Amino acid sequence: MGLLSIIRKIKKKEKEMRILMVGLDNSGKTTIVLKMNGEDTSVISPTLGFNIKTIIYQKYTLNIWDVGGQKTIRSYWRNYFEQTDGLVWVVDSSDLRRLDDCKMELDNLLKEELGCCL
């Protein structure tokens, strides 16, 4: 879904959006989602597969799909693109040794036919 589709959705009063959150493992995806939802972040384990959190923000319902970032899972990311309204790429900018890997994975992701707004 492109930017125009999102704008149309907002104008139509469709206030529910599916947001896909991806990035390398240990980049902080789950921490961000839990913090946004006001949940405890003291104990977090790696995401195997995906987690879905629904966050109400103003008049919008955001269904956040937090997808695991382990190397073995990355090839499955494309399976989550369908019916996604937006994508958030999470980077741990303090992990300098993995920035090249992060760039490579993002480049690979952008080469995909996403069908969602980046």
PDB file of N, CA and C in Angstrom:
ATOM      1  N   MET A   1       0.852  -1.168   0.000  1.00  0.00           N
ATOM      2  CA  MET A   1       0.000   0.000   0.000  1.00  0.00           C
ATOM      3  C   MET A   1       0.895   1.226   0.000  1.00  0.00           C
ATOM      4  N   GLY A   2       0.635   2.133  -0.930  1.00  0.00           N
ATOM      5  CA  GLY A   2       1.448   3.325  -1.042  1.00  0.00           C
ATOM      6  C   GLY A   2       0.927   4.472  -0.203  1.00  0.00           C
ATOM      7  N   LEU A   3       1.632   5.581  -0.274  1.00  0.00           N
ATOM      8  CA  LEU A   3       1.287   6.769   0.505  1.00  0.00           C
ATOM      9  C   LEU A   3      -0.121   7.262   0.187  1.00  0.00           C
ATOM     10  N   LEU A   4      -0.499   7.261  -1.097  1.00  0.00           N
ATOM     11  CA  LEU A   4      -1.842   7.717  -1.461  1.00  0.00           C
ATOM     12  C   LEU A   4      -2.920   6.835  -0.850  1.00  0.00           C
ATOM     13  N   SER A   5      -2.674   5.550  -0.791  1.00  0.00           N
ATOM     14  CA  SER A   5      -3.641   4.643  -0.172  1.00  0.00           C
ATOM     15  C   SER A   5      -3.799   4.937   1.307  1.00  0.00           C
ATOM     16  N   ILE A   6      -2.704   5.268   1.963  1.00  0.00           N
ATOM     17  CA  ILE A   6      -2.769   5.611   3.388  1.00  0.00           C
ATOM     18  C   ILE A   6      -3.563   6.898   3.574  1.00  0.00           C
ATOM     19  N   ILE A   7      -3.334   7.884   2.718  1.00  0.00           N
ATOM     20  CA  ILE A   7      -4.076   9.146   2.811  1.00  0.00           C
ATOM     21  C   ILE A   7      -5.563   8.898   2.585  1.00  0.00           C
ATOM     22  N   ARG A   8      -5.891   8.065   1.590  1.00  0.00           N
ATOM     23  CA  ARG A   8      -7.299   7.734   1.343  1.00  0.00           C
ATOM     24  C   ARG A   8      -7.909   7.037   2.555  1.00  0.00           C
ATOM     25  N   LYS A   9      -7.145   6.158   3.166  1.00  0.00           N
ATOM     26  CA  LYS A   9      -7.620   5.428   4.334  1.00  0.00           C
ATOM     27  C   LYS A   9      -7.953   6.395   5.464  1.00  0.00           C
ATOM     28  N   ILE A  10      -7.095   7.370   5.679  1.00  0.00           N
ATOM     29  CA  ILE A  10      -7.316   8.357   6.734  1.00  0.00           C
ATOM     30  C   ILE A  10      -8.569   9.174   6.421  1.00  0.00           C
ATOM     31  N   LYS A  11      -8.725   9.576   5.166  1.00  0.00           N
ATOM     32  CA  LYS A  11      -9.893  10.378   4.782  1.00  0.00           C
ATOM     33  C   LYS A  11     -11.181   9.577   4.897  1.00  0.00           C
ATOM     34  N   LYS A  12     -11.130   8.277   4.657  1.00  0.00           N
ATOM     35  CA  LYS A  12     -12.320   7.431   4.733  1.00  0.00           C
ATOM     36  C   LYS A  12     -12.692   7.085   6.170  1.00  0.00           C
ATOM     37  N   LYS A  13     -11.932   7.548   7.096  1.00  0.00           N
ATOM     38  CA  LYS A  13     -12.165   7.265   8.514  1.00  0.00           C
ATOM     39  C   LYS A  13     -11.815   5.825   8.876  1.00  0.00           C
ATOM     40  N   GLU A  14     -11.084   5.145   8.000  1.00  0.00           N
ATOM     41  CA  GLU A  14     -10.553   3.839   8.366  1.00  0.00           C
ATOM     42  C   GLU A  14      -9.368   4.120   9.268  1.00  0.00           C
ATOM     43  N   LYS A  15      -9.542   3.917  10.515  1.00  0.00           N
ATOM     44  CA  LYS A  15      -8.539   4.343  11.484  1.00  0.00           C
ATOM     45  C   LYS A  15      -7.666   3.183  11.970  1.00  0.00           C
ATOM     46  N   GLU A  16      -7.672   2.072  11.253  1.00  0.00           N
ATOM     47  CA  GLU A  16      -6.859   0.929  11.654  1.00  0.00           C
ATOM     48  C   GLU A  16      -5.759   0.714  10.627  1.00  0.00           C
ATOM     49  N   MET A  17      -4.521   0.562  11.121  1.00  0.00           N
ATOM     50  CA  MET A  17      -3.384   0.384  10.227  1.00  0.00           C
ATOM     51  C   MET A  17      -2.507  -0.762  10.719  1.00  0.00           C
ATOM     52  N   ARG A  18      -1.949  -1.470   9.765  1.00  0.00           N
ATOM     53  CA  ARG A  18      -1.018  -2.555  10.073  1.00  0.00           C
ATOM     54  C   ARG A  18       0.391  -2.041   9.785  1.00  0.00           C
ATOM     55  N   ILE A  19       1.224  -2.057  10.828  1.00  0.00           N
ATOM     56  CA  ILE A  19       2.601  -1.576  10.724  1.00  0.00           C
ATOM     57  C   ILE A  19       3.538  -2.758  10.956  1.00  0.00           C
ATOM     58  N   LEU A  20       4.460  -2.960  10.036  1.00  0.00           N
ATOM     59  CA  LEU A  20       5.441  -4.035  10.148  1.00  0.00           C
ATOM     60  C   LEU A  20       6.745  -3.449  10.671  1.00  0.00           C
ATOM     61  N   MET A  21       7.266  -4.025  11.756  1.00  0.00           N
ATOM     62  CA  MET A  21       8.510  -3.541  12.353  1.00  0.00           C
ATOM     63  C   MET A  21       9.573  -4.624  12.171  1.00  0.00           C
ATOM     64  N   VAL A  22      10.608  -4.299  11.390  1.00  0.00           N
ATOM     65  CA  VAL A  22      11.673  -5.259  11.112  1.00  0.00           C
ATOM     66  C   VAL A  22      13.037  -4.610  11.307  1.00  0.00           C
ATOM     67  N   GLY A  23      14.046  -5.440  11.388  1.00  0.00           N
ATOM     68  CA  GLY A  23      15.430  -5.017  11.577  1.00  0.00           C
ATOM     69  C   GLY A  23      16.224  -6.222  12.060  1.00  0.00           C
ATOM     70  N   LEU A  24      17.516  -6.056  12.192  1.00  0.00           N
ATOM     71  CA  LEU A  24      18.357  -7.158  12.660  1.00  0.00           C
ATOM     72  C   LEU A  24      17.960  -7.578  14.070  1.00  0.00           C
ATOM     73  N   ASP A  25      18.359  -8.796  14.425  1.00  0.00           N
ATOM     74  CA  ASP A  25      18.128  -9.272  15.786  1.00  0.00           C
ATOM     75  C   ASP A  25      18.829  -8.350  16.785  1.00  0.00           C
ATOM     76  N   ASN A  26      18.240  -8.195  17.940  1.00  0.00           N
ATOM     77  CA  ASN A  26      18.763  -7.343  19.023  1.00  0.00           C
ATOM     78  C   ASN A  26      18.865  -5.866  18.646  1.00  0.00           C
ATOM     79  N   SER A  27      18.047  -5.422  17.707  1.00  0.00           N
ATOM     80  CA  SER A  27      18.083  -4.000  17.340  1.00  0.00           C
ATOM     81  C   SER A  27      17.151  -3.158  18.205  1.00  0.00           C
ATOM     82  N   GLY A  28      16.247  -3.800  18.935  1.00  0.00           N
ATOM     83  CA  GLY A  28      15.370  -3.061  19.841  1.00  0.00           C
ATOM     84  C   GLY A  28      13.919  -2.981  19.405  1.00  0.00           C
ATOM     85  N   LYS A  29      13.521  -3.798  18.437  1.00  0.00           N
ATOM     86  CA  LYS A  29      12.151  -3.753  17.927  1.00  0.00           C
ATOM     87  C   LYS A  29      11.126  -4.021  19.027  1.00  0.00           C
ATOM     88  N   THR A  30      11.306  -5.106  19.745  1.00  0.00           N
ATOM     89  CA  THR A  30      10.363  -5.467  20.806  1.00  0.00           C
ATOM     90  C   THR A  30      10.361  -4.428  21.910  1.00  0.00           C
ATOM     91  N   THR A  31      11.523  -3.925  22.269  1.00  0.00           N
ATOM     92  CA  THR A  31      11.611  -2.892  23.307  1.00  0.00           C
ATOM     93  C   THR A  31      10.812  -1.659  22.905  1.00  0.00           C
ATOM     94  N   ILE A  32      10.936  -1.243  21.661  1.00  0.00           N
ATOM     95  CA  ILE A  32      10.199  -0.070  21.181  1.00  0.00           C
ATOM     96  C   ILE A  32       8.695  -0.304  21.285  1.00  0.00           C
ATOM     97  N   VAL A  33       8.243  -1.464  20.808  1.00  0.00           N
ATOM     98  CA  VAL A  33       6.805  -1.758  20.829  1.00  0.00           C
ATOM     99  C   VAL A  33       6.279  -1.809  22.257  1.00  0.00           C
ATOM    100  N   LEU A  34       7.010  -2.471  23.147  1.00  0.00           N
ATOM    101  CA  LEU A  34       6.567  -2.562  24.538  1.00  0.00           C
ATOM    102  C   LEU A  34       6.537  -1.189  25.203  1.00  0.00           C
ATOM    103  N   LYS A  35       7.567  -0.380  24.954  1.00  0.00           N
ATOM    104  CA  LYS A  35       7.604   0.980  25.517  1.00  0.00           C
ATOM    105  C   LYS A  35       6.428   1.811  25.008  1.00  0.00           C
ATOM    106  N   MET A  36       6.136   1.704  23.720  1.00  0.00           N
ATOM    107  CA  MET A  36       5.012   2.449  23.148  1.00  0.00           C
ATOM    108  C   MET A  36       3.688   2.053  23.796  1.00  0.00           C
ATOM    109  N   ASN A  37       3.606   0.797  24.233  1.00  0.00           N
ATOM    110  CA  ASN A  37       2.382   0.272  24.829  1.00  0.00           C
ATOM    111  C   ASN A  37       2.392   0.399  26.351  1.00  0.00           C
ATOM    112  N   GLY A  38       3.446   1.010  26.909  1.00  0.00           N
ATOM    113  CA  GLY A  38       3.531   1.204  28.350  1.00  0.00           C
ATOM    114  C   GLY A  38       3.780  -0.070  29.133  1.00  0.00           C
ATOM    115  N   GLU A  39       4.407  -1.051  28.504  1.00  0.00           N
ATOM    116  CA  GLU A  39       4.655  -2.338  29.151  1.00  0.00           C
ATOM    117  C   GLU A  39       6.082  -2.423  29.683  1.00  0.00           C
ATOM    118  N   ASP A  40       6.299  -3.397  30.559  1.00  0.00           N
ATOM    119  CA  ASP A  40       7.605  -3.626  31.180  1.00  0.00           C
ATOM    120  C   ASP A  40       8.614  -4.096  30.134  1.00  0.00           C
ATOM    121  N   THR A  41       9.811  -3.537  30.183  1.00  0.00           N
ATOM    122  CA  THR A  41      10.870  -3.930  29.246  1.00  0.00           C
ATOM    123  C   THR A  41      12.095  -4.486  29.969  1.00  0.00           C
ATOM    124  N   SER A  42      11.920  -4.859  31.239  1.00  0.00           N
ATOM    125  CA  SER A  42      13.080  -5.323  32.001  1.00  0.00           C
ATOM    126  C   SER A  42      13.546  -6.715  31.571  1.00  0.00           C
ATOM    127  N   VAL A  43      12.630  -7.554  31.099  1.00  0.00           N
ATOM    128  CA  VAL A  43      13.005  -8.896  30.646  1.00  0.00           C
ATOM    129  C   VAL A  43      12.441  -9.098  29.244  1.00  0.00           C
ATOM    130  N   ILE A  44      13.334  -9.142  28.263  1.00  0.00           N
ATOM    131  CA  ILE A  44      12.922  -9.346  26.871  1.00  0.00           C
ATOM    132  C   ILE A  44      13.760 -10.470  26.288  1.00  0.00           C
ATOM    133  N   SER A  45      13.086 -11.400  25.627  1.00  0.00           N
ATOM    134  CA  SER A  45      13.805 -12.493  24.976  1.00  0.00           C
ATOM    135  C   SER A  45      13.673 -12.326  23.461  1.00  0.00           C
ATOM    136  N   PRO A  46      14.558 -12.964  22.701  1.00  0.00           N
ATOM    137  CA  PRO A  46      14.497 -12.837  21.243  1.00  0.00           C
ATOM    138  C   PRO A  46      13.128 -13.254  20.699  1.00  0.00           C
ATOM    139  N   THR A  47      12.669 -12.530  19.696  1.00  0.00           N
ATOM    140  CA  THR A  47      11.381 -12.834  19.073  1.00  0.00           C
ATOM    141  C   THR A  47      11.566 -13.965  18.077  1.00  0.00           C
ATOM    142  N   LEU A  48      10.868 -15.054  18.309  1.00  0.00           N
ATOM    143  CA  LEU A  48      10.875 -16.185  17.384  1.00  0.00           C
ATOM    144  C   LEU A  48       9.576 -16.118  16.600  1.00  0.00           C
ATOM    145  N   GLY A  49       9.665 -15.819  15.326  1.00  0.00           N
ATOM    146  CA  GLY A  49       8.455 -15.611  14.541  1.00  0.00           C
ATOM    147  C   GLY A  49       8.057 -14.155  14.622  1.00  0.00           C
ATOM    148  N   PHE A  50       6.899 -13.885  15.244  1.00  0.00           N
ATOM    149  CA  PHE A  50       6.426 -12.505  15.345  1.00  0.00           C
ATOM    150  C   PHE A  50       5.537 -12.335  16.568  1.00  0.00           C
ATOM    151  N   ASN A  51       5.382 -11.085  16.982  1.00  0.00           N
ATOM    152  CA  ASN A  51       4.438 -10.691  18.024  1.00  0.00           C
ATOM    153  C   ASN A  51       3.573  -9.588  17.437  1.00  0.00           C
ATOM    154  N   ILE A  52       2.317  -9.557  17.833  1.00  0.00           N
ATOM    155  CA  ILE A  52       1.422  -8.485  17.396  1.00  0.00           C
ATOM    156  C   ILE A  52       0.945  -7.735  18.628  1.00  0.00           C
ATOM    157  N   LYS A  53       1.104  -6.431  18.601  1.00  0.00           N
ATOM    158  CA  LYS A  53       0.614  -5.560  19.673  1.00  0.00           C
ATOM    159  C   LYS A  53      -0.304  -4.533  19.042  1.00  0.00           C
ATOM    160  N   THR A  54      -1.415  -4.290  19.685  1.00  0.00           N
ATOM    161  CA  THR A  54      -2.335  -3.256  19.229  1.00  0.00           C
ATOM    162  C   THR A  54      -2.170  -2.045  20.123  1.00  0.00           C
ATOM    163  N   ILE A  55      -1.907  -0.924  19.497  1.00  0.00           N
ATOM    164  CA  ILE A  55      -1.687   0.323  20.218  1.00  0.00           C
ATOM    165  C   ILE A  55      -2.711   1.337  19.726  1.00  0.00           C
ATOM    166  N   ILE A  56      -3.413   1.946  20.662  1.00  0.00           N
ATOM    167  CA  ILE A  56      -4.356   3.006  20.324  1.00  0.00           C
ATOM    168  C   ILE A  56      -3.612   4.330  20.472  1.00  0.00           C
ATOM    169  N   TYR A  57      -3.542   5.086  19.388  1.00  0.00           N
ATOM    170  CA  TYR A  57      -2.883   6.390  19.406  1.00  0.00           C
ATOM    171  C   TYR A  57      -3.855   7.412  18.841  1.00  0.00           C
ATOM    172  N   GLN A  58      -4.253   8.344  19.698  1.00  0.00           N
ATOM    173  CA  GLN A  58      -5.283   9.322  19.351  1.00  0.00           C
ATOM    174  C   GLN A  58      -6.504   8.546  18.863  1.00  0.00           C
ATOM    175  N   LYS A  59      -6.921   8.721  17.624  1.00  0.00           N
ATOM    176  CA  LYS A  59      -8.104   8.009  17.120  1.00  0.00           C
ATOM    177  C   LYS A  59      -7.723   6.830  16.225  1.00  0.00           C
ATOM    178  N   TYR A  60      -6.462   6.442  16.257  1.00  0.00           N
ATOM    179  CA  TYR A  60      -5.984   5.391  15.368  1.00  0.00           C
ATOM    180  C   TYR A  60      -5.686   4.108  16.132  1.00  0.00           C
ATOM    181  N   THR A  61      -5.967   2.993  15.495  1.00  0.00           N
ATOM    182  CA  THR A  61      -5.595   1.687  16.016  1.00  0.00           C
ATOM    183  C   THR A  61      -4.431   1.192  15.169  1.00  0.00           C
ATOM    184  N   LEU A  62      -3.280   1.037  15.801  1.00  0.00           N
ATOM    185  CA  LEU A  62      -2.083   0.561  15.109  1.00  0.00           C
ATOM    186  C   LEU A  62      -1.831  -0.885  15.510  1.00  0.00           C
ATOM    187  N   ASN A  63      -1.891  -1.777  14.552  1.00  0.00           N
ATOM    188  CA  ASN A  63      -1.537  -3.171  14.789  1.00  0.00           C
ATOM    189  C   ASN A  63      -0.074  -3.321  14.392  1.00  0.00           C
ATOM    190  N   ILE A  64       0.785  -3.385  15.403  1.00  0.00           N
ATOM    191  CA  ILE A  64       2.229  -3.439  15.180  1.00  0.00           C
ATOM    192  C   ILE A  64       2.661  -4.902  15.127  1.00  0.00           C
ATOM    193  N   TRP A  65       3.230  -5.295  14.003  1.00  0.00           N
ATOM    194  CA  TRP A  65       3.764  -6.637  13.833  1.00  0.00           C
ATOM    195  C   TRP A  65       5.273  -6.559  14.060  1.00  0.00           C
ATOM    196  N   ASP A  66       5.710  -7.077  15.186  1.00  0.00           N
ATOM    197  CA  ASP A  66       7.124  -7.109  15.578  1.00  0.00           C
ATOM    198  C   ASP A  66       7.680  -8.452  15.107  1.00  0.00           C
ATOM    199  N   VAL A  67       8.497  -8.414  14.052  1.00  0.00           N
ATOM    200  CA  VAL A  67       8.987  -9.644  13.423  1.00  0.00           C
ATOM    201  C   VAL A  67      10.431  -9.901  13.836  1.00  0.00           C
ATOM    202  N   GLY A  68      10.735 -11.142  14.188  1.00  0.00           N
ATOM    203  CA  GLY A  68      12.083 -11.523  14.591  1.00  0.00           C
ATOM    204  C   GLY A  68      13.109 -11.178  13.527  1.00  0.00           C
ATOM    205  N   GLY A  69      14.333 -10.870  13.967  1.00  0.00           N
ATOM    206  CA  GLY A  69      15.366 -10.437  13.035  1.00  0.00           C
ATOM    207  C   GLY A  69      16.540 -11.389  12.894  1.00  0.00           C
ATOM    208  N   GLN A  70      16.421 -12.593  13.459  1.00  0.00           N
ATOM    209  CA  GLN A  70      17.526 -13.543  13.336  1.00  0.00           C
ATOM    210  C   GLN A  70      17.767 -13.886  11.866  1.00  0.00           C
ATOM    211  N   LYS A  71      19.000 -14.190  11.564  1.00  0.00           N
ATOM    212  CA  LYS A  71      19.395 -14.471  10.178  1.00  0.00           C
ATOM    213  C   LYS A  71      18.522 -15.561   9.547  1.00  0.00           C
ATOM    214  N   THR A  72      18.164 -16.574  10.328  1.00  0.00           N
ATOM    215  CA  THR A  72      17.365 -17.684   9.796  1.00  0.00           C
ATOM    216  C   THR A  72      15.921 -17.281   9.490  1.00  0.00           C
ATOM    217  N   ILE A  73      15.456 -16.178  10.055  1.00  0.00           N
ATOM    218  CA  ILE A  73      14.069 -15.729   9.875  1.00  0.00           C
ATOM    219  C   ILE A  73      13.946 -14.687   8.763  1.00  0.00           C
ATOM    220  N   ARG A  74      15.010 -13.994   8.445  1.00  0.00           N
ATOM    221  CA  ARG A  74      14.947 -12.846   7.523  1.00  0.00           C
ATOM    222  C   ARG A  74      14.355 -13.182   6.160  1.00  0.00           C
ATOM    223  N   SER A  75      14.603 -14.383   5.671  1.00  0.00           N
ATOM    224  CA  SER A  75      14.062 -14.749   4.355  1.00  0.00           C
ATOM    225  C   SER A  75      12.535 -14.838   4.376  1.00  0.00           C
ATOM    226  N   TYR A  76      11.937 -14.915   5.554  1.00  0.00           N
ATOM    227  CA  TYR A  76      10.479 -14.998   5.680  1.00  0.00           C
ATOM    228  C   TYR A  76       9.818 -13.630   5.813  1.00  0.00           C
ATOM    229  N   TRP A  77      10.606 -12.564   5.960  1.00  0.00           N
ATOM    230  CA  TRP A  77      10.028 -11.227   6.120  1.00  0.00           C
ATOM    231  C   TRP A  77       9.020 -10.913   5.030  1.00  0.00           C
ATOM    232  N   ARG A  78       9.308 -11.300   3.785  1.00  0.00           N
ATOM    233  CA  ARG A  78       8.423 -10.962   2.659  1.00  0.00           C
ATOM    234  C   ARG A  78       7.017 -11.530   2.851  1.00  0.00           C
ATOM    235  N   ASN A  79       6.893 -12.592   3.656  1.00  0.00           N
ATOM    236  CA  ASN A  79       5.575 -13.181   3.897  1.00  0.00           C
ATOM    237  C   ASN A  79       4.654 -12.256   4.689  1.00  0.00           C
ATOM    238  N   TYR A  80       5.222 -11.267   5.346  1.00  0.00           N
ATOM    239  CA  TYR A  80       4.436 -10.362   6.180  1.00  0.00           C
ATOM    240  C   TYR A  80       4.050  -9.070   5.455  1.00  0.00           C
ATOM    241  N   PHE A  81       4.536  -8.848   4.242  1.00  0.00           N
ATOM    242  CA  PHE A  81       4.328  -7.579   3.549  1.00  0.00           C
ATOM    243  C   PHE A  81       2.880  -7.350   3.118  1.00  0.00           C
ATOM    244  N   GLU A  82       2.179  -8.425   2.771  1.00  0.00           N
ATOM    245  CA  GLU A  82       0.824  -8.279   2.248  1.00  0.00           C
ATOM    246  C   GLU A  82      -0.089  -7.578   3.258  1.00  0.00           C
ATOM    247  N   GLN A  83      -0.851  -6.646   2.787  1.00  0.00           N
ATOM    248  CA  GLN A  83      -1.805  -5.864   3.586  1.00  0.00           C
ATOM    249  C   GLN A  83      -1.134  -5.033   4.679  1.00  0.00           C
ATOM    250  N   THR A  84       0.147  -4.731   4.491  1.00  0.00           N
ATOM    251  CA  THR A  84       0.865  -3.874   5.434  1.00  0.00           C
ATOM    252  C   THR A  84       0.761  -2.430   4.961  1.00  0.00           C
ATOM    253  N   ASP A  85       0.405  -1.546   5.882  1.00  0.00           N
ATOM    254  CA  ASP A  85       0.239  -0.134   5.549  1.00  0.00           C
ATOM    255  C   ASP A  85       1.534   0.660   5.683  1.00  0.00           C
ATOM    256  N   GLY A  86       2.450   0.186   6.506  1.00  0.00           N
ATOM    257  CA  GLY A  86       3.708   0.895   6.704  1.00  0.00           C
ATOM    258  C   GLY A  86       4.765  -0.030   7.268  1.00  0.00           C
ATOM    259  N   LEU A  87       6.008   0.336   7.058  1.00  0.00           N
ATOM    260  CA  LEU A  87       7.124  -0.477   7.519  1.00  0.00           C
ATOM    261  C   LEU A  87       8.076   0.402   8.319  1.00  0.00           C
ATOM    262  N   VAL A  88       8.511  -0.099   9.467  1.00  0.00           N
ATOM    263  CA  VAL A  88       9.497   0.595  10.293  1.00  0.00           C
ATOM    264  C   VAL A  88      10.753  -0.269  10.323  1.00  0.00           C
ATOM    265  N   TRP A  89      11.870   0.300   9.888  1.00  0.00           N
ATOM    266  CA  TRP A  89      13.161  -0.401   9.924  1.00  0.00           C
ATOM    267  C   TRP A  89      13.905   0.092  11.156  1.00  0.00           C
ATOM    268  N   VAL A  90      14.239  -0.828  12.066  1.00  0.00           N
ATOM    269  CA  VAL A  90      14.878  -0.465  13.331  1.00  0.00           C
ATOM    270  C   VAL A  90      16.369  -0.758  13.250  1.00  0.00           C
ATOM    271  N   VAL A  91      17.172   0.235  13.659  1.00  0.00           N
ATOM    272  CA  VAL A  91      18.632   0.121  13.635  1.00  0.00           C
ATOM    273  C   VAL A  91      19.167   0.403  15.031  1.00  0.00           C
ATOM    274  N   ASP A  92      20.039  -0.473  15.526  1.00  0.00           N
ATOM    275  CA  ASP A  92      20.768  -0.191  16.764  1.00  0.00           C
ATOM    276  C   ASP A  92      22.036   0.551  16.354  1.00  0.00           C
ATOM    277  N   SER A  93      21.972   1.867  16.382  1.00  0.00           N
ATOM    278  CA  SER A  93      23.097   2.674  15.897  1.00  0.00           C
ATOM    279  C   SER A  93      24.306   2.611  16.817  1.00  0.00           C
ATOM    280  N   SER A  94      24.152   2.047  18.009  1.00  0.00           N
ATOM    281  CA  SER A  94      25.302   1.914  18.907  1.00  0.00           C
ATOM    282  C   SER A  94      26.112   0.655  18.601  1.00  0.00           C
ATOM    283  N   ASP A  95      25.559  -0.252  17.795  1.00  0.00           N
ATOM    284  CA  ASP A  95      26.244  -1.496  17.439  1.00  0.00           C
ATOM    285  C   ASP A  95      26.981  -1.290  16.112  1.00  0.00           C
ATOM    286  N   LEU A  96      28.116  -0.597  16.184  1.00  0.00           N
ATOM    287  CA  LEU A  96      28.846  -0.205  14.976  1.00  0.00           C
ATOM    288  C   LEU A  96      29.311  -1.385  14.133  1.00  0.00           C
ATOM    289  N   ARG A  97      29.627  -2.500  14.763  1.00  0.00           N
ATOM    290  CA  ARG A  97      30.144  -3.647  14.004  1.00  0.00           C
ATOM    291  C   ARG A  97      29.076  -4.290  13.116  1.00  0.00           C
ATOM    292  N   ARG A  98      27.790  -3.981  13.360  1.00  0.00           N
ATOM    293  CA  ARG A  98      26.716  -4.590  12.562  1.00  0.00           C
ATOM    294  C   ARG A  98      26.055  -3.611  11.595  1.00  0.00           C
ATOM    295  N   LEU A  99      26.558  -2.395  11.520  1.00  0.00           N
ATOM    296  CA  LEU A  99      25.928  -1.415  10.636  1.00  0.00           C
ATOM    297  C   LEU A  99      26.003  -1.829   9.164  1.00  0.00           C
ATOM    298  N   ASP A 100      27.114  -2.450   8.754  1.00  0.00           N
ATOM    299  CA  ASP A 100      27.218  -2.917   7.368  1.00  0.00           C
ATOM    300  C   ASP A 100      26.192  -4.012   7.085  1.00  0.00           C
ATOM    301  N   ASP A 101      26.031  -4.953   8.036  1.00  0.00           N
ATOM    302  CA  ASP A 101      25.011  -5.999   7.886  1.00  0.00           C
ATOM    303  C   ASP A 101      23.620  -5.379   7.805  1.00  0.00           C
ATOM    304  N   CYS A 102      23.399  -4.379   8.632  1.00  0.00           N
ATOM    305  CA  CYS A 102      22.108  -3.696   8.666  1.00  0.00           C
ATOM    306  C   CYS A 102      21.815  -3.046   7.318  1.00  0.00           C
ATOM    307  N   LYS A 103      22.801  -2.367   6.763  1.00  0.00           N
ATOM    308  CA  LYS A 103      22.640  -1.714   5.460  1.00  0.00           C
ATOM    309  C   LYS A 103      22.361  -2.745   4.373  1.00  0.00           C
ATOM    310  N   MET A 104      23.101  -3.860   4.400  1.00  0.00           N
ATOM    311  CA  MET A 104      22.920  -4.900   3.397  1.00  0.00           C
ATOM    312  C   MET A 104      21.505  -5.484   3.461  1.00  0.00           C
ATOM    313  N   GLU A 105      21.018  -5.764   4.668  1.00  0.00           N
ATOM    314  CA  GLU A 105      19.677  -6.333   4.816  1.00  0.00           C
ATOM    315  C   GLU A 105      18.603  -5.340   4.386  1.00  0.00           C
ATOM    316  N   LEU A 106      18.796  -4.068   4.706  1.00  0.00           N
ATOM    317  CA  LEU A 106      17.833  -3.055   4.268  1.00  0.00           C
ATOM    318  C   LEU A 106      17.840  -2.940   2.747  1.00  0.00           C
ATOM    319  N   ASP A 107      19.022  -2.956   2.139  1.00  0.00           N
ATOM    320  CA  ASP A 107      19.112  -2.922   0.674  1.00  0.00           C
ATOM    321  C   ASP A 107      18.364  -4.104   0.064  1.00  0.00           C
ATOM    322  N   ASN A 108      18.549  -5.298   0.637  1.00  0.00           N
ATOM    323  CA  ASN A 108      17.847  -6.491   0.150  1.00  0.00           C
ATOM    324  C   ASN A 108      16.337  -6.328   0.285  1.00  0.00           C
ATOM    325  N   LEU A 109      15.920  -5.765   1.391  1.00  0.00           N
ATOM    326  CA  LEU A 109      14.496  -5.558   1.641  1.00  0.00           C
ATOM    327  C   LEU A 109      13.899  -4.579   0.633  1.00  0.00           C
ATOM    328  N   LEU A 110      14.639  -3.518   0.329  1.00  0.00           N
ATOM    329  CA  LEU A 110      14.144  -2.510  -0.604  1.00  0.00           C
ATOM    330  C   LEU A 110      14.070  -3.029  -2.037  1.00  0.00           C
ATOM    331  N   LYS A 111      14.821  -4.079  -2.338  1.00  0.00           N
ATOM    332  CA  LYS A 111      14.770  -4.678  -3.670  1.00  0.00           C
ATOM    333  C   LYS A 111      13.504  -5.515  -3.858  1.00  0.00           C
ATOM    334  N   GLU A 112      12.867  -5.886  -2.759  1.00  0.00           N
ATOM    335  CA  GLU A 112      11.646  -6.687  -2.818  1.00  0.00           C
ATOM    336  C   GLU A 112      10.502  -5.840  -3.361  1.00  0.00           C
ATOM    337  N   GLU A 113       9.511  -6.499  -3.887  1.00  0.00           N
ATOM    338  CA  GLU A 113       8.274  -5.816  -4.275  1.00  0.00           C
ATOM    339  C   GLU A 113       7.407  -5.778  -3.033  1.00  0.00           C
ATOM    340  N   LEU A 114       7.528  -4.689  -2.269  1.00  0.00           N
ATOM    341  CA  LEU A 114       6.916  -4.632  -0.950  1.00  0.00           C
ATOM    342  C   LEU A 114       5.410  -4.445  -0.970  1.00  0.00           C
ATOM    343  N   GLY A 115       4.942  -3.523  -1.735  1.00  0.00           N
ATOM    344  CA  GLY A 115       3.523  -3.236  -1.701  1.00  0.00           C
ATOM    345  C   GLY A 115       3.103  -2.467  -0.460  1.00  0.00           C
ATOM    346  N   CYS A 116       4.063  -1.913   0.274  1.00  0.00           N
ATOM    347  CA  CYS A 116       3.729  -1.088   1.440  1.00  0.00           C
ATOM    348  C   CYS A 116       4.538   0.194   1.377  1.00  0.00           C
ATOM    349  N   CYS A 117       4.150   1.150   2.173  1.00  0.00           N
ATOM    350  CA  CYS A 117       4.776   2.470   2.157  1.00  0.00           C
ATOM    351  C   CYS A 117       6.054   2.451   2.975  1.00  0.00           C
ATOM    352  N   LEU A 118       7.169   2.874   2.383  1.00  0.00           N
ATOM    353  CA  LEU A 118       8.435   2.935   3.113  1.00  0.00           C
ATOM    354  C   LEU A 118       8.765   4.366   3.433  1.00  0.00           C
TER     355      LEU A 118
END
